[in-house]
Amino acid sequence: MVKYQVKTLYISLILAFLLFLNLVFLQRAKAQTLNSQKLGMHLLHPEEIGQFRQIYPDEAWRPVTIPLTLNDLDQWQLWQDFFDQAKQLKIIPIIRLSTRFDPQLNAWQIPSRKDIVNLVNFLSSLDWHQDEKFVIVFNEVNHAAEWGGKIDPLLYGSILKFTSSWLRSEGKNYQILPAAMDLAANNSQETREAFSYLNDLYHFDQEIFDYIDYWNSHSYPNPDFSAAPTKKGQNSVRGFTYELNWLKNKTGKDFNVFITETGWASSYLTNYYLDDYYLYALQHIWSDARVKAVTPFLMKGSPGPFASFSFFDAANHPTVQLFSLQKAVKSYDNLSF
């Protein structure tokens, strides 16, 4: 009887030890995968890249989203300098194609095929210093102001297919992302609810999502860009999960996602909690393995309508956004799992 009890105790100790080792390995693996390196920044102009390491003073490769407009096509040296600096600063560019703003329409022009060819030729003439080249095919097209003053998912679908095909024909390993949706938009003359728009896009061509390599999301903490990150719903910082579930249901595919716009508007209500909001998002939302990049909006939006999102003010001084993000990143990277 005593021998049996000793044997049972011995086996129990072995099993407990094996379970402990398993937990240790799992926690180490988790610690290796959970880090802030997918976090970067959204820029508006290529010359802003020099301030990037004021936000992230580390050696990690990090993503940057930036628009390329038709007005930039005569600025080849400026953009080559941008890519040269990106290599030096360990930055992964994500280029969003754009046209020109038409003040008569009060909207961004719809691109012609010639516009697209010119944009792609310009990108292909540059030395990116990297194999994968990430390109976003325009922006928030469920807003009329982003698409020639009208909502037209069928036209966008045809342009997405043409742009994707042209990029892939270049043989330069372009990785294609679609225009992100405004997930908080409703159905009106000026906007279309995101999934209503996506359903029209899908019915236009059920193979439309074969033309992209990654999903692109603008997952903001709405309403008013100020909701807590614990809030759920398609208009929350978790909005990308609803999009990925929709894509899985329609296509059977598991897409990875780039969150190329997100972030809180600075105000007396949100500033007190801002670092906690960023830390919670890093721990519980952006840590999703499907999220490959997060580029908060916006490095420099002051002066102007985006001043409350800006990480630098009009005098190039750091704002509460910058300090809150840095505090959250430091806390997150120092967490012990």
C-alpha atoms as a PDB file:
ATOM      1  CA  MET A   1       0.000   0.000   0.000  1.00  0.00           C
ATOM      2  CA  VAL A   2       2.814   2.388   0.924  1.00  0.00           C
ATOM      3  CA  LYS A   3       4.709   1.567  -2.278  1.00  0.00           C
ATOM      4  CA  TYR A   4       1.563   2.255  -4.294  1.00  0.00           C
ATOM      5  CA  GLN A   5       1.088   5.651  -2.637  1.00  0.00           C
ATOM      6  CA  VAL A   6       4.748   6.564  -3.200  1.00  0.00           C
ATOM      7  CA  LYS A   7       4.476   5.533  -6.834  1.00  0.00           C
ATOM      8  CA  THR A   8       1.293   7.572  -7.267  1.00  0.00           C
ATOM      9  CA  LEU A   9       2.933  10.606  -5.659  1.00  0.00           C
ATOM     10  CA  TYR A  10       5.995  10.201  -7.888  1.00  0.00           C
ATOM     11  CA  ILE A  11       3.854  10.087 -11.047  1.00  0.00           C
ATOM     12  CA  SER A  12       1.856  13.115  -9.893  1.00  0.00           C
ATOM     13  CA  LEU A  13       5.058  15.094  -9.321  1.00  0.00           C
ATOM     14  CA  ILE A  14       6.348  14.181 -12.786  1.00  0.00           C
ATOM     15  CA  LEU A  15       3.070  15.239 -14.412  1.00  0.00           C
ATOM     16  CA  ALA A  16       3.026  18.493 -12.449  1.00  0.00           C
ATOM     17  CA  PHE A  17       6.614  19.214 -13.519  1.00  0.00           C
ATOM     18  CA  LEU A  18       5.811  18.515 -17.161  1.00  0.00           C
ATOM     19  CA  LEU A  19       2.792  20.805 -16.949  1.00  0.00           C
ATOM     20  CA  PHE A  20       4.982  23.517 -15.415  1.00  0.00           C
ATOM     21  CA  LEU A  21       7.530  23.197 -18.251  1.00  0.00           C
ATOM     22  CA  ASN A  22       4.751  23.415 -20.810  1.00  0.00           C
ATOM     23  CA  LEU A  23       3.421  26.608 -19.244  1.00  0.00           C
ATOM     24  CA  VAL A  24       6.915  28.107 -19.165  1.00  0.00           C
ATOM     25  CA  PHE A  25       7.461  27.390 -22.869  1.00  0.00           C
ATOM     26  CA  LEU A  26       4.023  28.787 -23.737  1.00  0.00           C
ATOM     27  CA  GLN A  27       4.677  31.981 -21.788  1.00  0.00           C
ATOM     28  CA  ARG A  28       8.114  32.383 -23.410  1.00  0.00           C
ATOM     29  CA  ALA A  29       6.572  31.962 -26.852  1.00  0.00           C
ATOM     30  CA  LYS A  30       3.924  34.510 -25.932  1.00  0.00           C
ATOM     31  CA  ALA A  31       6.561  36.947 -24.729  1.00  0.00           C
ATOM     32  CA  GLN A  32       8.400  36.589 -28.028  1.00  0.00           C
ATOM     33  CA  THR A  33       5.301  37.307 -30.122  1.00  0.00           C
ATOM     34  CA  LEU A  34       3.758  40.068 -28.003  1.00  0.00           C
ATOM     35  CA  ASN A  35       5.774  43.220 -28.586  1.00  0.00           C
ATOM     36  CA  SER A  36       5.091  46.699 -29.829  1.00  0.00           C
ATOM     37  CA  GLN A  37       7.076  46.453 -33.058  1.00  0.00           C
ATOM     38  CA  LYS A  38       3.974  46.325 -35.260  1.00  0.00           C
ATOM     39  CA  LEU A  39       3.235  49.853 -34.033  1.00  0.00           C
ATOM     40  CA  GLY A  40       4.299  52.738 -36.286  1.00  0.00           C
ATOM     41  CA  MET A  41       2.827  56.040 -37.477  1.00  0.00           C
ATOM     42  CA  HIS A  42       0.748  57.693 -40.194  1.00  0.00           C
ATOM     43  CA  LEU A  43       2.453  60.595 -41.999  1.00  0.00           C
ATOM     44  CA  LEU A  44       1.078  63.132 -44.463  1.00  0.00           C
ATOM     45  CA  HIS A  45       4.326  64.261 -46.119  1.00  0.00           C
ATOM     46  CA  PRO A  46       7.612  62.449 -46.877  1.00  0.00           C
ATOM     47  CA  GLU A  47       9.805  65.079 -45.189  1.00  0.00           C
ATOM     48  CA  GLU A  48       8.170  64.224 -41.833  1.00  0.00           C
ATOM     49  CA  ILE A  49       9.995  60.904 -41.696  1.00  0.00           C
ATOM     50  CA  GLY A  50      12.989  62.498 -39.944  1.00  0.00           C
ATOM     51  CA  GLN A  51      10.946  62.925 -36.749  1.00  0.00           C
ATOM     52  CA  PHE A  52       9.833  59.318 -36.564  1.00  0.00           C
ATOM     53  CA  ARG A  53      12.540  58.193 -34.159  1.00  0.00           C
ATOM     54  CA  GLN A  54      11.574  60.935 -31.731  1.00  0.00           C
ATOM     55  CA  ILE A  55       8.481  58.813 -31.143  1.00  0.00           C
ATOM     56  CA  TYR A  56      10.167  55.409 -31.245  1.00  0.00           C
ATOM     57  CA  PRO A  57      13.799  55.747 -30.106  1.00  0.00           C
ATOM     58  CA  ASP A  58      14.605  52.085 -30.652  1.00  0.00           C
ATOM     59  CA  GLU A  59      16.146  49.813 -33.303  1.00  0.00           C
ATOM     60  CA  ALA A  60      12.971  47.919 -34.225  1.00  0.00           C
ATOM     61  CA  TRP A  61      11.681  47.884 -37.800  1.00  0.00           C
ATOM     62  CA  ARG A  62       8.372  49.753 -37.737  1.00  0.00           C
ATOM     63  CA  PRO A  63       5.665  50.626 -40.314  1.00  0.00           C
ATOM     64  CA  VAL A  64       4.704  54.038 -41.690  1.00  0.00           C
ATOM     65  CA  THR A  65       1.634  54.821 -43.791  1.00  0.00           C
ATOM     66  CA  ILE A  66       1.884  57.773 -46.175  1.00  0.00           C
ATOM     67  CA  PRO A  67      -0.189  59.016 -49.162  1.00  0.00           C
ATOM     68  CA  LEU A  68       1.309  59.462 -52.617  1.00  0.00           C
ATOM     69  CA  THR A  69      -0.690  61.961 -54.691  1.00  0.00           C
ATOM     70  CA  LEU A  70      -0.608  62.851 -58.368  1.00  0.00           C
ATOM     71  CA  ASN A  71       0.979  66.158 -57.338  1.00  0.00           C
ATOM     72  CA  ASP A  72       3.966  64.191 -56.002  1.00  0.00           C
ATOM     73  CA  LEU A  73       4.900  62.727 -59.370  1.00  0.00           C
ATOM     74  CA  ASP A  74       7.285  65.571 -60.154  1.00  0.00           C
ATOM     75  CA  GLN A  75       9.034  65.141 -56.779  1.00  0.00           C
ATOM     76  CA  TRP A  76      11.130  62.054 -57.560  1.00  0.00           C
ATOM     77  CA  GLN A  77      14.189  63.076 -55.512  1.00  0.00           C
ATOM     78  CA  LEU A  78      12.051  63.925 -52.476  1.00  0.00           C
ATOM     79  CA  TRP A  79      10.508  60.475 -52.550  1.00  0.00           C
ATOM     80  CA  GLN A  80      13.784  58.677 -53.196  1.00  0.00           C
ATOM     81  CA  ASP A  81      15.200  60.508 -50.179  1.00  0.00           C
ATOM     82  CA  PHE A  82      12.168  59.283 -48.218  1.00  0.00           C
ATOM     83  CA  PHE A  83      12.878  55.647 -49.116  1.00  0.00           C
ATOM     84  CA  ASP A  84      16.595  56.090 -48.405  1.00  0.00           C
ATOM     85  CA  GLN A  85      15.780  57.481 -44.968  1.00  0.00           C
ATOM     86  CA  ALA A  86      13.272  54.703 -44.390  1.00  0.00           C
ATOM     87  CA  LYS A  87      16.016  52.143 -44.858  1.00  0.00           C
ATOM     88  CA  GLN A  88      18.382  54.046 -42.577  1.00  0.00           C
ATOM     89  CA  LEU A  89      15.733  54.478 -39.865  1.00  0.00           C
ATOM     90  CA  LYS A  90      14.389  50.903 -40.174  1.00  0.00           C
ATOM     91  CA  ILE A  91      10.974  51.982 -41.432  1.00  0.00           C
ATOM     92  CA  ILE A  92       8.633  49.887 -43.569  1.00  0.00           C
ATOM     93  CA  PRO A  93       6.691  52.198 -45.941  1.00  0.00           C
ATOM     94  CA  ILE A  94       3.021  51.579 -46.701  1.00  0.00           C
ATOM     95  CA  ILE A  95       2.124  53.800 -49.665  1.00  0.00           C
ATOM     96  CA  ARG A  96      -1.486  54.904 -50.116  1.00  0.00           C
ATOM     97  CA  LEU A  97      -2.354  55.930 -53.667  1.00  0.00           C
ATOM     98  CA  SER A  98      -4.187  59.263 -53.960  1.00  0.00           C
ATOM     99  CA  THR A  99      -5.270  61.612 -56.740  1.00  0.00           C
ATOM    100  CA  ARG A 100      -5.881  65.360 -56.380  1.00  0.00           C
ATOM    101  CA  PHE A 101      -8.412  67.257 -54.322  1.00  0.00           C
ATOM    102  CA  ASP A 102     -10.922  69.059 -56.556  1.00  0.00           C
ATOM    103  CA  PRO A 103     -12.227  72.203 -54.811  1.00  0.00           C
ATOM    104  CA  GLN A 104     -15.162  72.452 -57.226  1.00  0.00           C
ATOM    105  CA  LEU A 105     -16.324  68.960 -56.307  1.00  0.00           C
ATOM    106  CA  ASN A 106     -15.118  69.351 -52.727  1.00  0.00           C
ATOM    107  CA  ALA A 107     -13.812  65.820 -53.175  1.00  0.00           C
ATOM    108  CA  TRP A 108     -10.798  63.779 -54.254  1.00  0.00           C
ATOM    109  CA  GLN A 109     -10.855  63.037 -57.974  1.00  0.00           C
ATOM    110  CA  ILE A 110     -11.668  59.558 -59.226  1.00  0.00           C
ATOM    111  CA  PRO A 111      -8.471  58.170 -60.814  1.00  0.00           C
ATOM    112  CA  SER A 112      -8.304  57.452 -64.518  1.00  0.00           C
ATOM    113  CA  ARG A 113      -6.370  54.465 -65.808  1.00  0.00           C
ATOM    114  CA  LYS A 114      -3.678  56.860 -66.967  1.00  0.00           C
ATOM    115  CA  ASP A 115      -3.428  58.238 -63.403  1.00  0.00           C
ATOM    116  CA  ILE A 116      -2.967  54.728 -62.051  1.00  0.00           C
ATOM    117  CA  VAL A 117      -0.298  53.831 -64.612  1.00  0.00           C
ATOM    118  CA  ASN A 118       1.565  57.055 -63.803  1.00  0.00           C
ATOM    119  CA  LEU A 119       1.420  56.368 -60.057  1.00  0.00           C
ATOM    120  CA  VAL A 120       2.648  52.810 -60.496  1.00  0.00           C
ATOM    121  CA  ASN A 121       5.418  53.821 -62.903  1.00  0.00           C
ATOM    122  CA  PHE A 122       6.588  56.398 -60.367  1.00  0.00           C
ATOM    123  CA  LEU A 123       6.654  53.823 -57.544  1.00  0.00           C
ATOM    124  CA  SER A 124       8.507  51.335 -59.731  1.00  0.00           C
ATOM    125  CA  SER A 125      11.161  53.921 -60.603  1.00  0.00           C
ATOM    126  CA  LEU A 126      12.116  54.281 -56.924  1.00  0.00           C
ATOM    127  CA  ASP A 127      14.521  52.106 -54.966  1.00  0.00           C
ATOM    128  CA  TRP A 128      12.438  50.876 -52.017  1.00  0.00           C
ATOM    129  CA  HIS A 129      15.387  49.000 -50.450  1.00  0.00           C
ATOM    130  CA  GLN A 130      13.034  46.146 -49.533  1.00  0.00           C
ATOM    131  CA  ASP A 131      11.484  43.129 -51.171  1.00  0.00           C
ATOM    132  CA  GLU A 132       7.827  43.448 -50.211  1.00  0.00           C
ATOM    133  CA  LYS A 133       6.289  46.744 -51.311  1.00  0.00           C
ATOM    134  CA  PHE A 134       2.971  47.606 -49.640  1.00  0.00           C
ATOM    135  CA  VAL A 135       0.479  49.693 -51.621  1.00  0.00           C
ATOM    136  CA  ILE A 136      -3.039  50.824 -50.615  1.00  0.00           C
ATOM    137  CA  VAL A 137      -5.490  51.380 -53.473  1.00  0.00           C
ATOM    138  CA  PHE A 138      -7.024  54.745 -52.461  1.00  0.00           C
ATOM    139  CA  ASN A 139      -8.941  55.712 -49.336  1.00  0.00           C
ATOM    140  CA  GLU A 140     -12.317  55.424 -47.538  1.00  0.00           C
ATOM    141  CA  VAL A 141     -14.305  55.119 -50.751  1.00  0.00           C
ATOM    142  CA  ASN A 142     -17.564  54.746 -48.797  1.00  0.00           C
ATOM    143  CA  HIS A 143     -17.274  58.557 -48.465  1.00  0.00           C
ATOM    144  CA  ALA A 144     -18.355  60.605 -51.492  1.00  0.00           C
ATOM    145  CA  ALA A 145     -15.698  63.191 -50.605  1.00  0.00           C
ATOM    146  CA  GLU A 146     -13.027  60.534 -51.194  1.00  0.00           C
ATOM    147  CA  TRP A 147     -14.405  59.417 -54.558  1.00  0.00           C
ATOM    148  CA  GLY A 148     -15.323  62.229 -56.898  1.00  0.00           C
ATOM    149  CA  GLY A 149     -18.341  63.348 -54.887  1.00  0.00           C
ATOM    150  CA  LYS A 150     -20.252  60.096 -55.215  1.00  0.00           C
ATOM    151  CA  ILE A 151     -20.630  56.607 -53.785  1.00  0.00           C
ATOM    152  CA  ASP A 152     -19.827  54.049 -56.481  1.00  0.00           C
ATOM    153  CA  PRO A 153     -18.655  50.604 -55.297  1.00  0.00           C
ATOM    154  CA  LEU A 154     -18.932  49.148 -58.806  1.00  0.00           C
ATOM    155  CA  LEU A 155     -16.535  51.713 -60.248  1.00  0.00           C
ATOM    156  CA  TYR A 156     -14.175  51.293 -57.309  1.00  0.00           C
ATOM    157  CA  GLY A 157     -14.261  47.522 -57.829  1.00  0.00           C
ATOM    158  CA  SER A 158     -13.183  47.863 -61.451  1.00  0.00           C
ATOM    159  CA  ILE A 159     -10.419  50.322 -60.504  1.00  0.00           C
ATOM    160  CA  LEU A 160      -9.214  48.062 -57.701  1.00  0.00           C
ATOM    161  CA  LYS A 161      -8.943  45.161 -60.163  1.00  0.00           C
ATOM    162  CA  PHE A 162      -7.118  47.265 -62.752  1.00  0.00           C
ATOM    163  CA  THR A 163      -4.699  48.743 -60.197  1.00  0.00           C
ATOM    164  CA  SER A 164      -3.959  45.356 -58.659  1.00  0.00           C
ATOM    165  CA  SER A 165      -3.378  43.746 -62.045  1.00  0.00           C
ATOM    166  CA  TRP A 166      -1.084  46.567 -63.143  1.00  0.00           C
ATOM    167  CA  LEU A 167       0.929  46.457 -59.929  1.00  0.00           C
ATOM    168  CA  ARG A 168       1.343  42.690 -60.145  1.00  0.00           C
ATOM    169  CA  SER A 169       2.394  42.920 -63.790  1.00  0.00           C
ATOM    170  CA  GLU A 170       5.414  44.973 -62.669  1.00  0.00           C
ATOM    171  CA  GLY A 171       6.966  41.888 -61.062  1.00  0.00           C
ATOM    172  CA  LYS A 172       8.246  43.890 -58.080  1.00  0.00           C
ATOM    173  CA  ASN A 173       6.460  41.996 -55.301  1.00  0.00           C
ATOM    174  CA  TYR A 174       3.858  44.643 -54.628  1.00  0.00           C
ATOM    175  CA  GLN A 175       1.556  43.654 -51.758  1.00  0.00           C
ATOM    176  CA  ILE A 176      -1.880  45.119 -52.370  1.00  0.00           C
ATOM    177  CA  LEU A 177      -4.333  46.468 -49.814  1.00  0.00           C
ATOM    178  CA  PRO A 178      -7.794  47.877 -50.612  1.00  0.00           C
ATOM    179  CA  ALA A 179      -9.135  51.252 -49.557  1.00  0.00           C
ATOM    180  CA  ALA A 180     -10.118  51.153 -45.902  1.00  0.00           C
ATOM    181  CA  MET A 181     -13.746  51.726 -44.966  1.00  0.00           C
ATOM    182  CA  ASP A 182     -15.021  54.353 -42.564  1.00  0.00           C
ATOM    183  CA  LEU A 183     -16.602  51.881 -40.166  1.00  0.00           C
ATOM    184  CA  ALA A 184     -18.671  54.579 -38.429  1.00  0.00           C
ATOM    185  CA  ALA A 185     -20.333  55.873 -41.616  1.00  0.00           C
ATOM    186  CA  ASN A 186     -24.097  55.599 -42.037  1.00  0.00           C
ATOM    187  CA  ASN A 187     -26.261  55.436 -45.160  1.00  0.00           C
ATOM    188  CA  SER A 188     -26.740  58.917 -46.569  1.00  0.00           C
ATOM    189  CA  GLN A 189     -26.093  60.907 -49.731  1.00  0.00           C
ATOM    190  CA  GLU A 190     -22.516  61.496 -48.605  1.00  0.00           C
ATOM    191  CA  THR A 191     -21.618  58.141 -47.046  1.00  0.00           C
ATOM    192  CA  ARG A 192     -22.426  54.431 -47.216  1.00  0.00           C
ATOM    193  CA  GLU A 193     -22.422  52.045 -44.277  1.00  0.00           C
ATOM    194  CA  ALA A 194     -19.243  49.976 -44.556  1.00  0.00           C
ATOM    195  CA  PHE A 195     -20.702  46.490 -44.870  1.00  0.00           C
ATOM    196  CA  SER A 196     -23.420  47.679 -47.225  1.00  0.00           C
ATOM    197  CA  TYR A 197     -20.625  49.021 -49.439  1.00  0.00           C
ATOM    198  CA  LEU A 198     -18.580  45.829 -49.114  1.00  0.00           C
ATOM    199  CA  ASN A 199     -21.609  43.697 -49.984  1.00  0.00           C
ATOM    200  CA  ASP A 200     -22.113  45.714 -53.182  1.00  0.00           C
ATOM    201  CA  LEU A 201     -18.420  45.293 -53.972  1.00  0.00           C
ATOM    202  CA  TYR A 202     -18.687  41.537 -53.411  1.00  0.00           C
ATOM    203  CA  HIS A 203     -21.811  41.205 -55.575  1.00  0.00           C
ATOM    204  CA  PHE A 204     -20.068  43.174 -58.331  1.00  0.00           C
ATOM    205  CA  ASP A 205     -17.422  40.433 -58.451  1.00  0.00           C
ATOM    206  CA  GLN A 206     -17.297  37.569 -55.972  1.00  0.00           C
ATOM    207  CA  GLU A 207     -13.593  37.153 -56.750  1.00  0.00           C
ATOM    208  CA  ILE A 208     -12.781  40.810 -56.058  1.00  0.00           C
ATOM    209  CA  PHE A 209     -10.833  39.957 -52.900  1.00  0.00           C
ATOM    210  CA  ASP A 210      -8.487  37.710 -54.880  1.00  0.00           C
ATOM    211  CA  TYR A 211      -6.964  40.981 -56.065  1.00  0.00           C
ATOM    212  CA  ILE A 212      -5.651  41.906 -52.600  1.00  0.00           C
ATOM    213  CA  ASP A 213      -2.974  40.405 -50.365  1.00  0.00           C
ATOM    214  CA  TYR A 214      -3.901  41.982 -47.017  1.00  0.00           C
ATOM    215  CA  TRP A 215      -6.900  43.718 -45.542  1.00  0.00           C
ATOM    216  CA  ASN A 216      -6.724  47.408 -44.651  1.00  0.00           C
ATOM    217  CA  SER A 217      -8.690  48.821 -41.723  1.00  0.00           C
ATOM    218  CA  HIS A 218      -9.440  52.172 -40.121  1.00  0.00           C
ATOM    219  CA  SER A 219     -10.529  50.985 -36.674  1.00  0.00           C
ATOM    220  CA  TYR A 220     -11.254  54.078 -34.599  1.00  0.00           C
ATOM    221  CA  PRO A 221     -12.698  54.345 -31.062  1.00  0.00           C
ATOM    222  CA  ASN A 222     -16.045  55.866 -31.973  1.00  0.00           C
ATOM    223  CA  PRO A 223     -18.235  57.709 -31.255  1.00  0.00           C
ATOM    224  CA  ASP A 224     -16.259  60.934 -31.397  1.00  0.00           C
ATOM    225  CA  PHE A 225     -12.872  59.158 -31.537  1.00  0.00           C
ATOM    226  CA  SER A 226     -13.007  58.980 -27.752  1.00  0.00           C
ATOM    227  CA  ALA A 227     -14.584  55.672 -26.703  1.00  0.00           C
ATOM    228  CA  ALA A 228     -12.761  53.374 -24.299  1.00  0.00           C
ATOM    229  CA  PRO A 229     -10.890  50.472 -25.935  1.00  0.00           C
ATOM    230  CA  THR A 230     -13.049  48.031 -23.952  1.00  0.00           C
ATOM    231  CA  LYS A 231     -16.021  49.031 -26.126  1.00  0.00           C
ATOM    232  CA  LYS A 232     -17.008  46.494 -28.768  1.00  0.00           C
ATOM    233  CA  GLY A 233     -18.676  46.929 -32.127  1.00  0.00           C
ATOM    234  CA  GLN A 234     -17.734  47.619 -35.724  1.00  0.00           C
ATOM    235  CA  ASN A 235     -17.143  51.313 -34.946  1.00  0.00           C
ATOM    236  CA  SER A 236     -14.689  50.525 -32.138  1.00  0.00           C
ATOM    237  CA  VAL A 237     -10.936  49.871 -32.137  1.00  0.00           C
ATOM    238  CA  ARG A 238     -11.954  46.221 -32.622  1.00  0.00           C
ATOM    239  CA  GLY A 239     -13.644  47.076 -35.913  1.00  0.00           C
ATOM    240  CA  PHE A 240     -11.115  45.110 -37.941  1.00  0.00           C
ATOM    241  CA  THR A 241     -12.310  41.852 -36.336  1.00  0.00           C
ATOM    242  CA  TYR A 242     -15.792  42.405 -37.783  1.00  0.00           C
ATOM    243  CA  GLU A 243     -14.291  43.021 -41.212  1.00  0.00           C
ATOM    244  CA  LEU A 244     -12.111  39.898 -41.047  1.00  0.00           C
ATOM    245  CA  ASN A 245     -15.094  37.808 -39.941  1.00  0.00           C
ATOM    246  CA  TRP A 246     -17.123  39.174 -42.850  1.00  0.00           C
ATOM    247  CA  LEU A 247     -14.319  38.344 -45.288  1.00  0.00           C
ATOM    248  CA  LYS A 248     -14.008  34.825 -43.870  1.00  0.00           C
ATOM    249  CA  ASN A 249     -17.736  34.307 -44.303  1.00  0.00           C
ATOM    250  CA  LYS A 250     -17.743  35.559 -47.901  1.00  0.00           C
ATOM    251  CA  THR A 251     -14.459  34.143 -49.197  1.00  0.00           C
ATOM    252  CA  GLY A 252     -13.446  31.352 -46.816  1.00  0.00           C
ATOM    253  CA  LYS A 253     -10.057  33.081 -46.494  1.00  0.00           C
ATOM    254  CA  ASP A 254      -8.226  34.206 -43.373  1.00  0.00           C
ATOM    255  CA  PHE A 255      -6.777  37.631 -44.150  1.00  0.00           C
ATOM    256  CA  ASN A 256      -4.116  39.405 -42.146  1.00  0.00           C
ATOM    257  CA  VAL A 257      -4.742  43.103 -41.595  1.00  0.00           C
ATOM    258  CA  PHE A 258      -2.906  46.425 -41.560  1.00  0.00           C
ATOM    259  CA  ILE A 259      -4.622  48.986 -39.316  1.00  0.00           C
ATOM    260  CA  THR A 260      -3.435  52.075 -41.162  1.00  0.00           C
ATOM    261  CA  GLU A 261      -5.522  54.566 -39.189  1.00  0.00           C
ATOM    262  CA  THR A 262      -6.588  54.500 -35.556  1.00  0.00           C
ATOM    263  CA  GLY A 263      -6.202  56.563 -32.403  1.00  0.00           C
ATOM    264  CA  TRP A 264      -7.981  58.840 -29.966  1.00  0.00           C
ATOM    265  CA  ALA A 265      -8.725  62.525 -30.298  1.00  0.00           C
ATOM    266  CA  SER A 266      -7.027  64.491 -27.566  1.00  0.00           C
ATOM    267  CA  SER A 267      -9.442  66.208 -25.159  1.00  0.00           C
ATOM    268  CA  TYR A 268      -9.785  66.916 -21.457  1.00  0.00           C
ATOM    269  CA  LEU A 269     -11.969  63.791 -21.260  1.00  0.00           C
ATOM    270  CA  THR A 270      -9.548  61.371 -22.947  1.00  0.00           C
ATOM    271  CA  ASN A 271      -6.125  62.774 -22.043  1.00  0.00           C
ATOM    272  CA  TYR A 272      -6.210  61.457 -18.479  1.00  0.00           C
ATOM    273  CA  TYR A 273      -6.717  57.892 -19.711  1.00  0.00           C
ATOM    274  CA  LEU A 274      -4.825  58.059 -23.003  1.00  0.00           C
ATOM    275  CA  ASP A 275      -1.757  56.012 -22.010  1.00  0.00           C
ATOM    276  CA  ASP A 276      -4.033  53.391 -20.434  1.00  0.00           C
ATOM    277  CA  TYR A 277      -6.086  53.260 -23.624  1.00  0.00           C
ATOM    278  CA  TYR A 278      -2.986  52.672 -25.752  1.00  0.00           C
ATOM    279  CA  LEU A 279      -1.682  50.047 -23.329  1.00  0.00           C
ATOM    280  CA  TYR A 280      -5.003  48.186 -23.281  1.00  0.00           C
ATOM    281  CA  ALA A 281      -5.121  48.193 -27.088  1.00  0.00           C
ATOM    282  CA  LEU A 282      -1.570  46.832 -27.260  1.00  0.00           C
ATOM    283  CA  GLN A 283      -2.330  44.088 -24.748  1.00  0.00           C
ATOM    284  CA  HIS A 284      -5.789  43.003 -25.812  1.00  0.00           C
ATOM    285  CA  ILE A 285      -6.552  44.203 -29.352  1.00  0.00           C
ATOM    286  CA  TRP A 286      -3.536  44.936 -31.538  1.00  0.00           C
ATOM    287  CA  SER A 287      -1.811  41.830 -30.121  1.00  0.00           C
ATOM    288  CA  ASP A 288      -4.115  39.783 -32.381  1.00  0.00           C
ATOM    289  CA  ALA A 289      -1.787  37.635 -34.517  1.00  0.00           C
ATOM    290  CA  ARG A 290      -3.658  38.725 -37.661  1.00  0.00           C
ATOM    291  CA  VAL A 291      -2.639  42.359 -37.104  1.00  0.00           C
ATOM    292  CA  LYS A 292       0.606  42.993 -38.975  1.00  0.00           C
ATOM    293  CA  ALA A 293       0.873  46.772 -38.594  1.00  0.00           C
ATOM    294  CA  VAL A 294      -0.776  49.612 -36.667  1.00  0.00           C
ATOM    295  CA  THR A 295      -0.085  53.202 -37.782  1.00  0.00           C
ATOM    296  CA  PRO A 296      -1.915  55.695 -35.547  1.00  0.00           C
ATOM    297  CA  PHE A 297      -3.199  58.850 -37.198  1.00  0.00           C
ATOM    298  CA  LEU A 298      -1.352  61.313 -37.225  1.00  0.00           C
ATOM    299  CA  MET A 299       2.270  62.423 -36.785  1.00  0.00           C
ATOM    300  CA  LYS A 300       1.715  66.083 -37.726  1.00  0.00           C
ATOM    301  CA  GLY A 301      -1.821  67.405 -38.038  1.00  0.00           C
ATOM    302  CA  SER A 302      -1.402  70.790 -36.406  1.00  0.00           C
ATOM    303  CA  PRO A 303      -2.458  73.399 -37.262  1.00  0.00           C
ATOM    304  CA  GLY A 304      -5.569  72.128 -38.985  1.00  0.00           C
ATOM    305  CA  PRO A 305      -8.597  69.887 -38.524  1.00  0.00           C
ATOM    306  CA  PHE A 306      -6.477  66.976 -37.279  1.00  0.00           C
ATOM    307  CA  ALA A 307      -4.703  68.909 -34.515  1.00  0.00           C
ATOM    308  CA  SER A 308      -6.328  66.815 -31.768  1.00  0.00           C
ATOM    309  CA  PHE A 309      -4.765  63.650 -33.232  1.00  0.00           C
ATOM    310  CA  SER A 310      -1.312  65.129 -33.786  1.00  0.00           C
ATOM    311  CA  PHE A 311       1.818  63.758 -32.101  1.00  0.00           C
ATOM    312  CA  PHE A 312       3.620  67.081 -32.706  1.00  0.00           C
ATOM    313  CA  ASP A 313       2.072  70.524 -32.437  1.00  0.00           C
ATOM    314  CA  ALA A 314       2.475  73.421 -34.871  1.00  0.00           C
ATOM    315  CA  ALA A 315       5.803  74.350 -33.248  1.00  0.00           C
ATOM    316  CA  ASN A 316       7.053  70.741 -33.566  1.00  0.00           C
ATOM    317  CA  HIS A 317       6.775  70.151 -29.828  1.00  0.00           C
ATOM    318  CA  PRO A 318       5.606  66.718 -28.606  1.00  0.00           C
ATOM    319  CA  THR A 319       1.958  66.520 -27.595  1.00  0.00           C
ATOM    320  CA  VAL A 320       0.124  64.437 -25.010  1.00  0.00           C
ATOM    321  CA  GLN A 321      -0.453  61.904 -27.786  1.00  0.00           C
ATOM    322  CA  LEU A 322       3.274  61.266 -28.109  1.00  0.00           C
ATOM    323  CA  PHE A 323       3.950  61.060 -24.378  1.00  0.00           C
ATOM    324  CA  SER A 324       0.974  58.750 -23.799  1.00  0.00           C
ATOM    325  CA  LEU A 325       1.957  56.396 -26.621  1.00  0.00           C
ATOM    326  CA  GLN A 326       5.578  56.239 -25.457  1.00  0.00           C
ATOM    327  CA  LYS A 327       4.508  55.481 -21.893  1.00  0.00           C
ATOM    328  CA  ALA A 328       2.231  52.695 -23.102  1.00  0.00           C
ATOM    329  CA  VAL A 329       4.910  51.186 -25.378  1.00  0.00           C
ATOM    330  CA  LYS A 330       7.470  51.219 -22.566  1.00  0.00           C
ATOM    331  CA  SER A 331       5.032  49.583 -20.151  1.00  0.00           C
ATOM    332  CA  TYR A 332       4.005  46.986 -22.723  1.00  0.00           C
ATOM    333  CA  ASP A 333       7.534  46.020 -23.755  1.00  0.00           C
ATOM    334  CA  ASN A 334       8.558  45.731 -20.093  1.00  0.00           C
ATOM    335  CA  LEU A 335       5.681  43.435 -19.169  1.00  0.00           C
ATOM    336  CA  SER A 336       6.717  40.011 -17.838  1.00  0.00           C
ATOM    337  CA  PHE A 337       4.556  37.167 -19.102  1.00  0.00           C
END
